[in-house]
C-alpha atoms as a PDB file:
ATOM      1  CA  UNK A   1      -2.624   9.785 -11.064  1.00  0.00           C
ATOM      2  CA  UNK A   2      -0.054  11.101 -13.513  1.00  0.00           C
ATOM      3  CA  UNK A   3      -1.157  14.750 -13.159  1.00  0.00           C
ATOM      4  CA  UNK A   4      -1.378  14.346  -9.431  1.00  0.00           C
ATOM      5  CA  UNK A   5       2.105  13.099  -9.158  1.00  0.00           C
ATOM      6  CA  UNK A   6       3.599  15.352 -11.731  1.00  0.00           C
ATOM      7  CA  UNK A   7       2.130  18.570 -10.137  1.00  0.00           C
ATOM      8  CA  UNK A   8       2.843  17.642  -6.603  1.00  0.00           C
ATOM      9  CA  UNK A   9      -0.673  18.412  -5.355  1.00  0.00           C
ATOM     10  CA  UNK A  10      -0.597  16.369  -2.303  1.00  0.00           C
ATOM     11  CA  UNK A  11      -2.320  13.277  -3.564  1.00  0.00           C
ATOM     12  CA  UNK A  12       0.170  10.521  -3.138  1.00  0.00           C
ATOM     13  CA  UNK A  13      -1.432   7.250  -1.965  1.00  0.00           C
ATOM     14  CA  UNK A  14      -3.708   5.166  -4.384  1.00  0.00           C
ATOM     15  CA  UNK A  15      -5.551   2.145  -4.096  1.00  0.00           C
ATOM     16  CA  UNK A  16      -6.301  -0.259  -6.922  1.00  0.00           C
ATOM     17  CA  UNK A  17      -8.986  -2.714  -6.306  1.00  0.00           C
ATOM     18  CA  UNK A  18     -10.493  -5.308  -8.447  1.00  0.00           C
ATOM     19  CA  UNK A  19     -10.659  -9.047  -9.389  1.00  0.00           C
ATOM     20  CA  UNK A  20      -7.501 -11.137 -10.290  1.00  0.00           C
ATOM     21  CA  UNK A  21      -6.485 -10.503 -13.558  1.00  0.00           C
ATOM     22  CA  UNK A  22      -7.991  -6.943 -14.199  1.00  0.00           C
ATOM     23  CA  UNK A  23      -4.715  -5.306 -14.764  1.00  0.00           C
ATOM     24  CA  UNK A  24      -3.969  -3.512 -11.455  1.00  0.00           C
ATOM     25  CA  UNK A  25      -0.236  -4.485 -11.132  1.00  0.00           C
ATOM     26  CA  UNK A  26       0.345  -4.005 -14.720  1.00  0.00           C
ATOM     27  CA  UNK A  27      -1.164  -0.511 -14.493  1.00  0.00           C
ATOM     28  CA  UNK A  28       1.230   0.358 -11.550  1.00  0.00           C
ATOM     29  CA  UNK A  29       4.048  -0.580 -13.742  1.00  0.00           C
ATOM     30  CA  UNK A  30       2.894   1.371 -16.634  1.00  0.00           C
ATOM     31  CA  UNK A  31       2.283   4.515 -14.417  1.00  0.00           C
ATOM     32  CA  UNK A  32       5.934   4.258 -13.219  1.00  0.00           C
ATOM     33  CA  UNK A  33       7.018   3.916 -16.740  1.00  0.00           C
ATOM     34  CA  UNK A  34       5.051   6.858 -18.075  1.00  0.00           C
ATOM     35  CA  UNK A  35       6.109   9.246 -15.368  1.00  0.00           C
ATOM     36  CA  UNK A  36       9.764   8.000 -15.455  1.00  0.00           C
ATOM     37  CA  UNK A  37       9.999   6.720 -11.814  1.00  0.00           C
ATOM     38  CA  UNK A  38      11.551   3.485 -10.395  1.00  0.00           C
ATOM     39  CA  UNK A  39       9.163   0.955  -9.278  1.00  0.00           C
ATOM     40  CA  UNK A  40       9.827  -0.558  -5.756  1.00  0.00           C
ATOM     41  CA  UNK A  41       7.603  -3.519  -4.997  1.00  0.00           C
ATOM     42  CA  UNK A  42       7.109  -4.631  -1.400  1.00  0.00           C
ATOM     43  CA  UNK A  43       6.512  -8.424  -0.823  1.00  0.00           C
ATOM     44  CA  UNK A  44       4.546  -8.593   2.485  1.00  0.00           C
ATOM     45  CA  UNK A  45       5.130 -12.447   2.670  1.00  0.00           C
ATOM     46  CA  UNK A  46       8.758 -11.614   3.817  1.00  0.00           C
ATOM     47  CA  UNK A  47       7.477  -9.227   6.615  1.00  0.00           C
ATOM     48  CA  UNK A  48       4.916 -11.600   8.415  1.00  0.00           C
ATOM     49  CA  UNK A  49       6.826 -13.497  11.103  1.00  0.00           C
ATOM     50  CA  UNK A  50       5.528 -16.088  13.542  1.00  0.00           C
ATOM     51  CA  UNK A  51       7.232 -14.432  16.475  1.00  0.00           C
ATOM     52  CA  UNK A  52       4.831 -12.314  18.447  1.00  0.00           C
ATOM     53  CA  UNK A  53       5.452  -8.538  17.762  1.00  0.00           C
ATOM     54  CA  UNK A  54       8.066  -9.217  15.082  1.00  0.00           C
ATOM     55  CA  UNK A  55       5.674  -8.495  12.172  1.00  0.00           C
ATOM     56  CA  UNK A  56       5.035  -4.857  13.596  1.00  0.00           C
ATOM     57  CA  UNK A  57       8.822  -4.319  14.006  1.00  0.00           C
ATOM     58  CA  UNK A  58       9.256  -5.537  10.487  1.00  0.00           C
ATOM     59  CA  UNK A  59       6.632  -3.153   9.322  1.00  0.00           C
ATOM     60  CA  UNK A  60       8.236  -0.285  11.209  1.00  0.00           C
ATOM     61  CA  UNK A  61      11.538  -1.156   9.602  1.00  0.00           C
ATOM     62  CA  UNK A  62       9.876  -1.150   6.070  1.00  0.00           C
ATOM     63  CA  UNK A  63       8.418   2.300   6.544  1.00  0.00           C
ATOM     64  CA  UNK A  64      11.675   3.665   7.884  1.00  0.00           C
ATOM     65  CA  UNK A  65      13.512   2.441   4.973  1.00  0.00           C
ATOM     66  CA  UNK A  66      10.827   3.930   2.734  1.00  0.00           C
ATOM     67  CA  UNK A  67      10.921   7.456   4.293  1.00  0.00           C
ATOM     68  CA  UNK A  68      14.521   7.566   4.394  1.00  0.00           C
ATOM     69  CA  UNK A  69      15.206   6.673   0.621  1.00  0.00           C
ATOM     70  CA  UNK A  70      17.359   9.294  -1.040  1.00  0.00           C
ATOM     71  CA  UNK A  71      15.567  11.066  -3.729  1.00  0.00           C
ATOM     72  CA  UNK A  72      12.210   9.963  -2.578  1.00  0.00           C
ATOM     73  CA  UNK A  73      10.501  11.662  -5.593  1.00  0.00           C
ATOM     74  CA  UNK A  74      12.243   9.196  -7.997  1.00  0.00           C
ATOM     75  CA  UNK A  75      10.281   6.156  -6.789  1.00  0.00           C
ATOM     76  CA  UNK A  76       6.674   4.582  -6.786  1.00  0.00           C
ATOM     77  CA  UNK A  77       6.353   2.089  -4.064  1.00  0.00           C
ATOM     78  CA  UNK A  78       4.032  -0.702  -4.796  1.00  0.00           C
ATOM     79  CA  UNK A  79       2.150  -2.637  -1.942  1.00  0.00           C
ATOM     80  CA  UNK A  80       0.922  -5.448  -4.126  1.00  0.00           C
ATOM     81  CA  UNK A  81      -1.885  -7.572  -2.399  1.00  0.00           C
ATOM     82  CA  UNK A  82      -2.206  -5.221   0.531  1.00  0.00           C
ATOM     83  CA  UNK A  83      -4.920  -7.593   1.854  1.00  0.00           C
ATOM     84  CA  UNK A  84      -2.263 -10.114   2.800  1.00  0.00           C
ATOM     85  CA  UNK A  85      -1.253  -7.718   5.847  1.00  0.00           C
ATOM     86  CA  UNK A  86      -4.199  -5.217   6.510  1.00  0.00           C
ATOM     87  CA  UNK A  87      -7.294  -7.244   7.645  1.00  0.00           C
ATOM     88  CA  UNK A  88     -10.457  -5.912   8.932  1.00  0.00           C
ATOM     89  CA  UNK A  89      -9.953  -5.565  12.612  1.00  0.00           C
ATOM     90  CA  UNK A  90     -13.751  -5.931  13.171  1.00  0.00           C
ATOM     91  CA  UNK A  91     -14.530  -8.821  11.261  1.00  0.00           C
ATOM     92  CA  UNK A  92     -11.331 -10.802  11.296  1.00  0.00           C
ATOM     93  CA  UNK A  93     -11.334 -14.394  12.338  1.00  0.00           C
ATOM     94  CA  UNK A  94      -7.598 -14.239  13.067  1.00  0.00           C
ATOM     95  CA  UNK A  95      -5.237 -13.638  15.826  1.00  0.00           C
ATOM     96  CA  UNK A  96      -5.138 -10.374  17.715  1.00  0.00           C
ATOM     97  CA  UNK A  97      -1.501 -10.132  16.312  1.00  0.00           C
ATOM     98  CA  UNK A  98      -2.849  -9.208  12.773  1.00  0.00           C
ATOM     99  CA  UNK A  99      -5.077  -6.739  14.427  1.00  0.00           C
ATOM    100  CA  UNK A 100      -1.987  -4.973  16.033  1.00  0.00           C
ATOM    101  CA  UNK A 101      -0.272  -5.177  12.542  1.00  0.00           C
ATOM    102  CA  UNK A 102      -3.135  -3.308  10.969  1.00  0.00           C
ATOM    103  CA  UNK A 103      -2.978  -0.718  13.639  1.00  0.00           C
ATOM    104  CA  UNK A 104       0.661  -0.345  13.225  1.00  0.00           C
ATOM    105  CA  UNK A 105       0.237  -0.092   9.407  1.00  0.00           C
ATOM    106  CA  UNK A 106      -2.270   2.867  10.007  1.00  0.00           C
ATOM    107  CA  UNK A 107       0.242   4.705  12.029  1.00  0.00           C
ATOM    108  CA  UNK A 108       2.999   4.205   9.692  1.00  0.00           C
ATOM    109  CA  UNK A 109       0.830   5.203   6.733  1.00  0.00           C
ATOM    110  CA  UNK A 110       0.068   8.484   8.548  1.00  0.00           C
ATOM    111  CA  UNK A 111       3.869   9.082   8.895  1.00  0.00           C
ATOM    112  CA  UNK A 112       4.596   8.406   5.405  1.00  0.00           C
ATOM    113  CA  UNK A 113       6.586  11.141   3.661  1.00  0.00           C
ATOM    114  CA  UNK A 114       4.359  13.250   1.203  1.00  0.00           C
ATOM    115  CA  UNK A 115       7.130  13.017  -1.386  1.00  0.00           C
ATOM    116  CA  UNK A 116       6.605   9.157  -1.592  1.00  0.00           C
ATOM    117  CA  UNK A 117       4.084   7.886  -4.079  1.00  0.00           C
ATOM    118  CA  UNK A 118       2.556   4.870  -2.772  1.00  0.00           C
ATOM    119  CA  UNK A 119       0.036   2.478  -4.942  1.00  0.00           C
ATOM    120  CA  UNK A 120      -1.448  -0.371  -3.349  1.00  0.00           C
ATOM    121  CA  UNK A 121      -3.450  -3.154  -4.905  1.00  0.00           C
ATOM    122  CA  UNK A 122      -6.111  -5.610  -3.555  1.00  0.00           C
ATOM    123  CA  UNK A 123      -8.463  -8.439  -4.849  1.00  0.00           C
ATOM    124  CA  UNK A 124     -10.298  -8.331  -1.669  1.00  0.00           C
ATOM    125  CA  UNK A 125     -11.498  -4.626  -0.988  1.00  0.00           C
ATOM    126  CA  UNK A 126     -14.321  -5.869   1.178  1.00  0.00           C
ATOM    127  CA  UNK A 127     -11.727  -7.559   3.730  1.00  0.00           C
ATOM    128  CA  UNK A 128      -9.743  -4.428   4.144  1.00  0.00           C
ATOM    129  CA  UNK A 129     -10.013  -2.456   7.361  1.00  0.00           C
ATOM    130  CA  UNK A 130     -12.158   0.702   6.674  1.00  0.00           C
ATOM    131  CA  UNK A 131      -9.511   2.867   8.522  1.00  0.00           C
ATOM    132  CA  UNK A 132      -6.835   1.644   6.017  1.00  0.00           C
ATOM    133  CA  UNK A 133      -9.085   2.554   2.969  1.00  0.00           C
ATOM    134  CA  UNK A 134      -9.834   6.019   4.190  1.00  0.00           C
ATOM    135  CA  UNK A 135      -6.075   6.821   4.515  1.00  0.00           C
ATOM    136  CA  UNK A 136      -5.813   6.528   0.462  1.00  0.00           C
ATOM    137  CA  UNK A 137      -6.408   9.562  -1.481  1.00  0.00           C
ATOM    138  CA  UNK A 138      -7.995   7.700  -4.345  1.00  0.00           C
ATOM    139  CA  UNK A 139      -9.502   4.312  -4.846  1.00  0.00           C
ATOM    140  CA  UNK A 140      -9.593   3.058  -8.275  1.00  0.00           C
ATOM    141  CA  UNK A 141     -11.918   0.170  -9.063  1.00  0.00           C
ATOM    142  CA  UNK A 142     -10.625  -1.884 -11.931  1.00  0.00           C
ATOM    143  CA  UNK A 143     -13.762  -4.006 -12.248  1.00  0.00           C
ATOM    144  CA  UNK A 144     -15.419  -1.144 -13.757  1.00  0.00           C
ATOM    145  CA  UNK A 145     -13.245  -1.382 -16.701  1.00  0.00           C
ATOM    146  CA  UNK A 146     -13.087  -5.138 -17.477  1.00  0.00           C
END
Protein backbone atom coordinates (compact mmCIF):
# COMPACT_ATOMS: atom_id res chain seq x y z
CA UNK A 1 0.00 0.00 0.00
CA UNK A 2 2.74 2.40 1.00
CA UNK A 3 4.68 1.80 -2.23
CA UNK A 4 1.56 2.11 -4.38
CA UNK A 5 0.62 5.40 -2.76
CA UNK A 6 4.12 6.86 -2.71
CA UNK A 7 4.81 5.95 -6.35
CA UNK A 8 1.41 7.07 -7.70
CA UNK A 9 0.92 3.91 -9.76
CA UNK A 10 -2.85 4.22 -10.00
CA UNK A 11 -3.72 1.90 -7.15
CA UNK A 12 -5.71 4.01 -4.71
CA UNK A 13 -8.66 1.98 -3.39
CA UNK A 14 -8.08 -0.68 -0.75
CA UNK A 15 -10.51 -2.90 1.16
CA UNK A 16 -9.49 -4.38 4.52
CA UNK A 17 -11.61 -7.38 5.51
CA UNK A 18 -11.62 -9.51 8.63
CA UNK A 19 -13.24 -10.35 11.91
CA UNK A 20 -13.73 -7.68 14.58
CA UNK A 21 -10.55 -6.93 16.51
CA UNK A 22 -8.08 -8.00 13.81
CA UNK A 23 -6.53 -4.54 13.49
CA UNK A 24 -8.08 -3.23 10.29
CA UNK A 25 -8.86 0.28 11.50
CA UNK A 26 -5.62 0.56 13.45
CA UNK A 27 -3.68 -0.50 10.35
CA UNK A 28 -5.28 2.31 8.36
CA UNK A 29 -4.18 4.77 11.06
CA UNK A 30 -0.63 3.42 10.91
CA UNK A 31 -0.49 3.55 7.10
CA UNK A 32 -1.55 7.21 7.25
CA UNK A 33 1.09 7.90 9.90
CA UNK A 34 3.86 6.11 8.00
CA UNK A 35 3.26 8.00 4.77
CA UNK A 36 2.54 11.32 6.45
CA UNK A 37 -1.06 11.77 5.35
CA UNK A 38 -3.99 13.10 7.34
CA UNK A 39 -6.68 10.51 7.99
CA UNK A 40 -10.27 11.57 7.36
CA UNK A 41 -12.82 9.10 8.74
CA UNK A 42 -16.32 8.86 7.27
CA UNK A 43 -19.09 7.88 9.68
CA UNK A 44 -21.83 6.38 7.53
CA UNK A 45 -24.38 6.52 10.35
CA UNK A 46 -24.62 10.27 9.70
CA UNK A 47 -25.39 9.70 6.01
CA UNK A 48 -28.33 7.33 6.33
CA UNK A 49 -31.65 9.17 6.43
CA UNK A 50 -35.16 7.80 6.77
CA UNK A 51 -36.49 10.14 4.05
CA UNK A 52 -36.77 8.41 0.70
CA UNK A 53 -33.86 9.40 -1.54
CA UNK A 54 -32.07 11.49 1.07
CA UNK A 55 -29.33 8.93 1.75
CA UNK A 56 -28.43 8.90 -1.96
CA UNK A 57 -28.23 12.72 -1.90
CA UNK A 58 -26.09 12.63 1.24
CA UNK A 59 -23.75 10.13 -0.42
CA UNK A 60 -23.39 12.35 -3.51
CA UNK A 61 -22.62 15.33 -1.25
CA UNK A 62 -19.97 13.31 0.60
CA UNK A 63 -18.20 12.24 -2.59
CA UNK A 64 -18.36 15.79 -3.97
CA UNK A 65 -16.69 17.04 -0.79
CA UNK A 66 -14.01 14.34 -1.05
CA UNK A 67 -13.34 15.02 -4.74
CA UNK A 68 -13.11 18.76 -4.08
CA UNK A 69 -10.65 18.55 -1.20
CA UNK A 70 -7.73 20.92 -1.67
CA UNK A 71 -4.41 19.07 -1.83
CA UNK A 72 -6.13 15.68 -2.27
CA UNK A 73 -2.79 13.90 -2.14
CA UNK A 74 -2.43 14.89 1.55
CA UNK A 75 -5.27 12.66 2.77
CA UNK A 76 -6.35 9.10 3.26
CA UNK A 77 -10.11 8.64 3.41
CA UNK A 78 -11.32 5.84 5.70
CA UNK A 79 -14.73 4.29 5.09
CA UNK A 80 -14.91 2.33 8.34
CA UNK A 81 -17.43 -0.53 8.35
CA UNK A 82 -18.49 0.03 4.76
CA UNK A 83 -21.00 -2.83 5.07
CA UNK A 84 -23.22 -0.34 6.91
CA UNK A 85 -24.11 1.23 3.59
CA UNK A 86 -23.31 -1.09 0.65
CA UNK A 87 -25.34 -4.23 1.03
CA UNK A 88 -25.53 -7.02 -1.52
CA UNK A 89 -28.36 -5.95 -3.82
CA UNK A 90 -29.11 -9.56 -4.79
CA UNK A 91 -29.37 -11.16 -1.36
CA UNK A 92 -30.49 -8.31 0.85
CA UNK A 93 -33.69 -8.57 2.86
CA UNK A 94 -33.82 -4.81 3.18
CA UNK A 95 -35.71 -2.03 1.47
CA UNK A 96 -35.11 -1.17 -2.15
CA UNK A 97 -33.83 2.19 -0.91
CA UNK A 98 -30.60 0.57 0.29
CA UNK A 99 -30.23 -1.05 -3.13
CA UNK A 100 -30.42 2.43 -4.63
CA UNK A 101 -27.81 3.58 -2.12
CA UNK A 102 -25.49 0.76 -3.19
CA UNK A 103 -25.99 1.67 -6.86
CA UNK A 104 -25.27 5.33 -6.09
CA UNK A 105 -22.17 4.33 -4.13
CA UNK A 106 -20.88 2.39 -7.15
CA UNK A 107 -21.38 5.39 -9.42
CA UNK A 108 -19.65 7.74 -6.99
CA UNK A 109 -16.76 5.34 -6.41
CA UNK A 110 -16.18 5.21 -10.17
CA UNK A 111 -15.96 9.02 -10.18
CA UNK A 112 -13.47 9.17 -7.28
CA UNK A 113 -10.43 11.26 -8.08
CA UNK A 114 -7.35 9.09 -8.68
CA UNK A 115 -5.46 11.43 -6.35
CA UNK A 116 -7.59 10.27 -3.41
CA UNK A 117 -6.44 7.27 -1.39
CA UNK A 118 -9.46 5.41 -0.06
CA UNK A 119 -9.32 2.57 2.43
CA UNK A 120 -12.51 0.83 3.51
CA UNK A 121 -12.94 -1.76 6.24
CA UNK A 122 -15.56 -4.45 6.79
CA UNK A 123 -16.31 -7.31 9.15
CA UNK A 124 -18.95 -8.64 6.76
CA UNK A 125 -17.18 -9.16 3.43
CA UNK A 126 -19.64 -11.86 2.36
CA UNK A 127 -22.54 -9.37 2.69
CA UNK A 128 -20.98 -6.75 0.43
CA UNK A 129 -22.26 -6.34 -3.10
CA UNK A 130 -19.79 -8.04 -5.45
CA UNK A 131 -19.85 -5.02 -7.77
CA UNK A 132 -18.55 -2.97 -4.85
CA UNK A 133 -15.72 -5.35 -4.01
CA UNK A 134 -14.62 -5.45 -7.67
CA UNK A 135 -14.10 -1.67 -7.58
CA UNK A 136 -11.25 -1.96 -5.07
CA UNK A 137 -7.70 -2.29 -6.38
CA UNK A 138 -6.64 -4.58 -3.53
CA UNK A 139 -8.50 -6.60 -0.91
CA UNK A 140 -6.48 -7.48 2.18
CA UNK A 141 -7.80 -10.25 4.43
CA UNK A 142 -6.80 -9.61 8.05
CA UNK A 143 -8.07 -13.00 9.22
CA UNK A 144 -5.04 -14.53 7.50
CA UNK A 145 -2.73 -12.71 9.92
CA UNK A 146 -4.42 -13.38 13.25
